């Protein structure tokens, strides 16, 4: 299996990343986007992440 950028979710909103972590969704990496300097959390896109993001949207 070849991984591409489309296999990953870049989360630039700390409150969303914190919420995902509280739901047990592990991040792969925390980094800084070189051009903008913005901090992001990187997640592998899978069913666990998709479900957690759907729950997050419903909670707002």
Protein backbone atom coordinates (compact mmCIF):
# COMPACT_ATOMS: atom_id res chain seq x y z
CA UNK A 1 0.00 0.00 0.00
CA UNK A 2 1.38 3.37 -1.02
CA UNK A 3 0.51 6.25 1.28
CA UNK A 4 -0.19 9.64 -0.23
CA UNK A 5 -1.19 13.02 1.16
CA UNK A 6 -4.85 12.02 0.76
CA UNK A 7 -4.38 9.34 3.45
CA UNK A 8 -3.76 11.99 6.09
CA UNK A 9 -5.83 14.65 7.86
CA UNK A 10 -4.00 17.86 8.73
CA UNK A 11 -5.78 19.51 11.66
CA UNK A 12 -4.90 23.19 12.12
CA UNK A 13 -7.46 23.88 14.87
CA UNK A 14 -6.15 23.09 18.36
CA UNK A 15 -9.61 22.73 19.89
CA UNK A 16 -10.52 20.09 17.27
CA UNK A 17 -7.23 18.26 17.82
CA UNK A 18 -7.74 18.36 21.59
CA UNK A 19 -11.26 16.98 21.14
CA UNK A 20 -10.02 14.16 18.88
CA UNK A 21 -7.38 13.27 21.47
CA UNK A 22 -10.03 13.24 24.21
CA UNK A 23 -12.00 10.76 22.09
CA UNK A 24 -9.00 8.44 21.92
CA UNK A 25 -7.97 9.25 18.34
CA UNK A 26 -4.16 9.29 18.29
CA UNK A 27 -2.25 11.82 16.23
CA UNK A 28 0.78 10.74 14.24
CA UNK A 29 2.77 13.93 14.43
CA UNK A 30 2.59 17.57 15.45
CA UNK A 31 4.36 19.91 13.06
CA UNK A 32 4.64 23.42 11.72
CA UNK A 33 3.71 24.38 8.19
CA UNK A 34 6.87 25.98 6.74
CA UNK A 35 5.30 28.85 4.77
CA UNK A 36 2.63 30.02 7.21
CA UNK A 37 4.21 28.87 10.46
CA UNK A 38 0.88 27.39 11.57
CA UNK A 39 0.97 24.40 13.92
CA UNK A 40 -0.95 21.27 12.88
CA UNK A 41 -1.67 17.79 14.16
CA UNK A 42 -1.46 14.98 11.64
CA UNK A 43 -3.89 12.06 11.70
CA UNK A 44 -4.21 8.94 9.59
CA UNK A 45 -7.63 8.93 7.92
CA UNK A 46 -9.53 5.87 9.08
CA UNK A 47 -12.98 4.97 10.31
CA UNK A 48 -12.13 5.96 13.89
CA UNK A 49 -11.17 9.47 12.78
CA UNK A 50 -14.18 9.81 10.46
CA UNK A 51 -16.58 8.77 13.23
CA UNK A 52 -14.98 11.15 15.74
CA UNK A 53 -15.17 14.07 13.28
CA UNK A 54 -18.84 13.32 12.60
CA UNK A 55 -19.52 13.30 16.36
CA UNK A 56 -17.64 16.58 16.72
CA UNK A 57 -19.78 18.21 14.01
CA UNK A 58 -22.96 16.99 15.70
CA UNK A 59 -21.83 18.36 19.07
CA UNK A 60 -21.53 21.91 17.71
